[in-house]
C-alpha cells in the first residue's frame, strides 16, 4: 500500500487551505481538475475573476506530489506579481519559498520574456515550455528552478 496521497486527499487539503469559499466556477474547475477523469481544465474568464485560485490548486498538487507544473503570464509585471504570490502560497502550504522558481527565456525581437515556473498538466505543453527555455545559457536565467 502506498503512502502517497490520493488526488481526492490532495483536493480536500487544498480546499481546506482556502481562506474563503471559492466561487462556483472556481469550485467546478477545481473539482474537475482533481477528478480521476481529468484531462485538463480550460477556464476563460475576465481579468480579476479568480483564475489564479484554480491554477494554485494544480500547483499545490504538483508540490504535494513532487512534480513540476508551469504557470505562465503574458506580462512581465504580472509575472513578477504572480511569482511573489506563488512563493507566499507555497510557504502558507508548508513548502519553502524556493519551491517556486522563475524561468526567463529570451525571445527574438521581444527582449526578455518571463514565465513563472509553475500549471501545465499536459506533458506536451510542459515540453514546449522546456524546449523554449533549453537553448538559453545559464547566465540568461535569474533562477533555473521551477517546481521542486
Protein backbone atom coordinates (compact mmCIF):
# COMPACT_ATOMS: atom_id res chain seq x y z
CA UNK A 1 0.00 0.00 0.00
CA UNK A 2 1.34 3.42 -0.98
CA UNK A 3 1.73 6.34 1.41
CA UNK A 4 1.27 8.78 -1.47
CA UNK A 5 -1.88 10.89 -1.06
CA UNK A 6 -4.73 10.37 -3.50
CA UNK A 7 -5.93 13.19 -5.72
CA UNK A 8 -9.05 13.34 -3.57
CA UNK A 9 -7.00 13.77 -0.41
CA UNK A 10 -4.89 16.50 -2.05
CA UNK A 11 -8.07 18.23 -3.24
CA UNK A 12 -9.52 18.15 0.28
CA UNK A 13 -6.30 19.59 1.72
CA UNK A 14 -6.32 22.37 -0.86
CA UNK A 15 -9.99 23.27 -0.32
CA UNK A 16 -9.40 23.32 3.46
CA UNK A 17 -6.44 25.69 3.00
CA UNK A 18 -8.53 28.30 1.20
CA UNK A 19 -9.23 31.41 3.28
CA UNK A 20 -12.70 31.76 1.70
CA UNK A 21 -15.29 29.75 -0.20
CA UNK A 22 -14.45 29.52 -3.90
CA UNK A 23 -16.85 30.96 -6.46
CA UNK A 24 -18.98 28.32 -8.23
CA UNK A 25 -16.85 28.46 -11.40
CA UNK A 26 -13.68 28.00 -9.33
CA UNK A 27 -15.18 25.10 -7.41
CA UNK A 28 -16.35 23.36 -10.61
CA UNK A 29 -12.95 23.81 -12.26
CA UNK A 30 -11.08 22.55 -9.20
CA UNK A 31 -13.36 19.53 -8.81
CA UNK A 32 -12.77 18.71 -12.48
CA UNK A 33 -9.02 19.21 -12.07
CA UNK A 34 -8.83 16.81 -9.14
CA UNK A 35 -11.21 14.24 -10.66
CA UNK A 36 -9.89 10.87 -11.78
CA UNK A 37 -11.11 11.51 -15.32
CA UNK A 38 -9.29 14.86 -15.58
CA UNK A 39 -7.69 15.55 -18.93
CA UNK A 40 -7.05 19.20 -18.18
CA UNK A 41 -9.16 22.24 -17.42
CA UNK A 42 -9.58 25.32 -19.58
CA UNK A 43 -11.06 28.37 -17.88
CA UNK A 44 -11.77 31.56 -19.79
CA UNK A 45 -12.88 34.46 -17.66
CA UNK A 46 -12.19 38.19 -17.40
CA UNK A 47 -9.17 39.51 -15.54
CA UNK A 48 -9.67 39.59 -11.78
CA UNK A 49 -12.30 36.85 -11.59
CA UNK A 50 -10.26 34.20 -9.78
CA UNK A 51 -8.47 32.06 -12.36
CA UNK A 52 -5.28 32.07 -10.25
CA UNK A 53 -7.05 30.20 -7.43
CA UNK A 54 -7.71 27.36 -9.87
CA UNK A 55 -4.10 27.32 -11.08
CA UNK A 56 -2.93 27.30 -7.47
CA UNK A 57 -4.82 24.04 -6.97
CA UNK A 58 -2.73 22.45 -9.72
CA UNK A 59 0.43 23.97 -8.27
CA UNK A 60 -0.44 22.68 -4.80
CA UNK A 61 -0.90 19.20 -6.25
CA UNK A 62 2.47 19.39 -8.04
CA UNK A 63 4.19 20.44 -4.82
CA UNK A 64 2.49 17.66 -2.83
CA UNK A 65 3.46 15.06 -5.43
CA UNK A 66 6.97 16.40 -6.00
CA UNK A 67 6.32 17.00 -9.70
CA UNK A 68 6.61 20.06 -11.93
CA UNK A 69 3.97 22.45 -13.15
CA UNK A 70 4.26 25.66 -15.14
CA UNK A 71 2.31 28.89 -14.69
CA UNK A 72 2.80 31.36 -17.50
CA UNK A 73 1.85 35.00 -17.80
CA UNK A 74 1.76 37.40 -20.73
CA UNK A 75 3.24 40.43 -18.95
CA UNK A 76 6.49 40.89 -17.05
CA UNK A 77 4.78 42.91 -14.29
CA UNK A 78 2.15 40.21 -13.87
CA UNK A 79 4.86 37.52 -13.83
CA UNK A 80 6.69 39.29 -11.01
CA UNK A 81 3.44 39.67 -9.05
CA UNK A 82 2.40 36.02 -9.51
CA UNK A 83 5.93 34.84 -8.69
CA UNK A 84 5.76 36.63 -5.32
CA UNK A 85 2.19 35.43 -4.68
CA UNK A 86 3.03 31.81 -5.52
CA UNK A 87 6.06 31.86 -3.24
CA UNK A 88 3.87 33.20 -0.42
CA UNK A 89 1.29 30.49 -1.13
CA UNK A 90 3.98 27.78 -1.07
CA UNK A 91 5.08 28.94 2.39
CA UNK A 92 1.44 29.09 3.57
CA UNK A 93 1.04 25.46 2.38
CA UNK A 94 4.15 24.33 4.28
CA UNK A 95 6.69 24.32 1.44
CA UNK A 96 9.73 26.55 1.04
CA UNK A 97 9.51 29.73 -0.99
CA UNK A 98 12.34 28.29 -3.09
CA UNK A 99 9.94 25.57 -4.25
CA UNK A 100 8.68 28.15 -6.72
CA UNK A 101 11.13 29.38 -9.33
CA UNK A 102 11.29 31.91 -12.10
CA UNK A 103 12.36 30.94 -15.61
CA UNK A 104 13.45 33.64 -18.04
CA UNK A 105 13.66 32.96 -21.74
CA UNK A 106 14.99 35.26 -24.43
CA UNK A 107 12.64 35.72 -27.36
CA UNK A 108 13.81 37.03 -30.73
CA UNK A 109 12.71 40.61 -31.35
CA UNK A 110 10.97 40.76 -27.98
CA UNK A 111 13.76 41.09 -25.42
CA UNK A 112 13.28 39.12 -22.23
CA UNK A 113 10.10 37.13 -21.80
CA UNK A 114 9.36 35.83 -18.34
CA UNK A 115 7.36 32.78 -17.43
CA UNK A 116 6.75 31.96 -13.80
CA UNK A 117 7.68 28.32 -13.37
CA UNK A 118 4.53 26.77 -12.37
CA UNK A 119 0.28 24.96 -14.49
CA UNK A 120 0.61 22.77 -17.47
CA UNK A 121 -0.51 19.29 -16.62
CA UNK A 122 -0.11 18.14 -20.22
CA UNK A 123 3.41 16.84 -20.90
CA UNK A 124 3.33 18.21 -24.44
CA UNK A 125 2.70 21.72 -23.11
CA UNK A 126 5.37 21.33 -20.45
CA UNK A 127 7.75 20.03 -23.13
CA UNK A 128 7.06 23.09 -25.29
CA UNK A 129 7.98 25.40 -22.41
CA UNK A 130 11.13 23.38 -21.70
CA UNK A 131 12.10 23.41 -25.39
CA UNK A 132 11.72 27.18 -25.49
CA UNK A 133 13.89 27.60 -22.40
CA UNK A 134 16.51 24.87 -23.01
CA UNK A 135 18.67 26.69 -25.61
CA UNK A 136 19.28 29.61 -23.26
CA UNK A 137 22.61 29.94 -21.49
CA UNK A 138 22.56 29.65 -17.70
CA UNK A 139 23.58 33.30 -17.40
CA UNK A 140 20.29 34.28 -19.05
CA UNK A 141 18.28 32.94 -16.12
CA UNK A 142 17.52 34.71 -12.88
CA UNK A 143 16.57 31.35 -11.34
CA UNK A 144 16.54 28.00 -13.10
CA UNK A 145 14.43 26.22 -10.51
CA UNK A 146 10.85 25.55 -11.48
CA UNK A 147 8.83 23.49 -9.01
CA UNK A 148 10.92 21.10 -6.93
